[in-house]
Protein backbone atom coordinates (compact mmCIF):
# COMPACT_ATOMS: atom_id res chain seq x y z
CA MET A 1 -9.45 12.28 -3.08
CA MET A 2 -12.57 9.50 -3.55
CA THR A 3 -11.81 6.51 -1.33
CA GLY A 4 -15.25 5.02 -1.33
CA VAL A 5 -14.34 1.89 -3.39
CA ALA A 6 -11.28 1.19 -1.85
CA GLU A 7 -12.37 1.83 1.73
CA THR A 8 -15.54 -0.75 0.60
CA VAL A 9 -12.84 -3.31 -0.74
CA ASN A 10 -10.58 -3.06 2.39
CA TYR A 11 -13.85 -3.94 4.93
CA GLN A 12 -14.79 -6.69 2.59
CA ILE A 13 -11.13 -8.23 2.73
CA ILE A 14 -11.40 -7.41 6.96
CA GLN A 15 -14.35 -9.60 6.88
CA ILE A 16 -12.66 -12.44 4.99
CA TYR A 17 -9.84 -12.66 6.59
CA ASP A 18 -11.56 -12.56 9.77
CA ALA A 19 -13.77 -15.04 8.75
CA ILE A 20 -11.14 -17.52 8.24
CA GLU A 21 -9.41 -16.57 11.53
CA ARG A 22 -6.31 -14.88 9.59
CA PRO A 23 -7.00 -10.84 10.33
CA ASN A 24 -3.32 -10.65 10.85
CA GLN A 25 -2.57 -11.90 7.09
CA TYR A 26 -3.95 -8.67 5.49
CA LEU A 27 -2.07 -5.56 5.69
CA ARG A 28 -3.46 -2.08 4.20
CA ILE A 29 -1.18 0.80 3.60
CA ILE A 30 -2.55 3.99 2.98
CA PRO A 31 0.37 6.43 1.78
CA ASP A 32 -0.06 9.83 2.29
CA LEU A 33 0.89 11.39 -0.98
CA SER A 34 -1.19 14.99 -0.84
CA HIS A 35 2.29 16.57 -0.63
CA GLU A 36 3.35 15.04 -4.07
CA LYS A 37 2.45 16.55 -7.20
CA PRO A 38 0.17 14.83 -9.46
CA LEU A 39 1.63 12.11 -12.01
CA PRO A 40 0.25 11.88 -15.27
CA VAL A 41 -0.56 7.92 -15.39
CA ASP A 42 0.30 8.02 -19.54
CA ASP A 43 3.73 9.57 -19.00
CA ALA A 44 6.34 6.67 -19.07
CA SER A 45 9.32 9.36 -19.44
CA GLU A 46 12.31 8.36 -17.62
CA GLU A 47 11.99 11.41 -15.42
CA LYS A 48 8.57 10.21 -14.29
CA ILE A 49 9.76 6.56 -13.59
CA SER A 50 12.12 7.92 -11.59
CA GLU A 51 9.60 10.04 -9.52
CA LEU A 52 7.56 7.35 -9.31
CA GLN A 53 10.61 5.08 -7.51
CA ARG A 54 11.39 8.06 -5.42
CA ILE A 55 8.05 7.89 -4.27
CA GLY A 56 7.71 4.18 -3.55
CA ASN A 57 10.98 4.15 -1.86
CA GLU A 58 10.02 6.56 0.42
CA GLN A 59 6.68 5.07 1.22
CA ALA A 60 8.71 1.80 1.77
CA SER A 61 11.05 3.68 4.57
CA LYS A 62 8.44 5.20 6.09
CA TYR A 63 6.39 1.85 6.56
CA ASN A 64 9.30 -0.20 6.80
CA GLU A 65 8.79 -1.74 10.35
CA GLN A 66 5.17 -2.71 9.12
CA LEU A 67 6.39 -4.29 5.81
CA ASP A 68 9.02 -6.28 7.86
CA LYS A 69 6.58 -7.38 10.34
CA PHE A 70 4.33 -8.60 7.53
CA ILE A 71 7.24 -10.21 5.52
CA ASP A 72 8.06 -12.09 8.33
CA LEU A 73 4.47 -13.44 9.48
CA LEU A 74 4.18 -14.73 5.77
CA LEU A 75 7.50 -16.64 5.54
CA ALA A 76 6.47 -17.83 9.08
CA GLU A 77 3.62 -19.06 7.40
């Protein structure tokens, strides 16, 4: 998979947050979707939307602790 642009933007955002002395306010989650079958971006059928929701719920569960910590941080600001 091509990740060059995403990695470049990630680097740039890290630099910005470091410069304003708030590195903990940036969270990047890189889900492993290699086991998922590709979904066409132009198919908005109920089946495909349900599949996207399933994948989103699985990823949210997988990264639940990181997301909770980040939410707590943002709410404390």
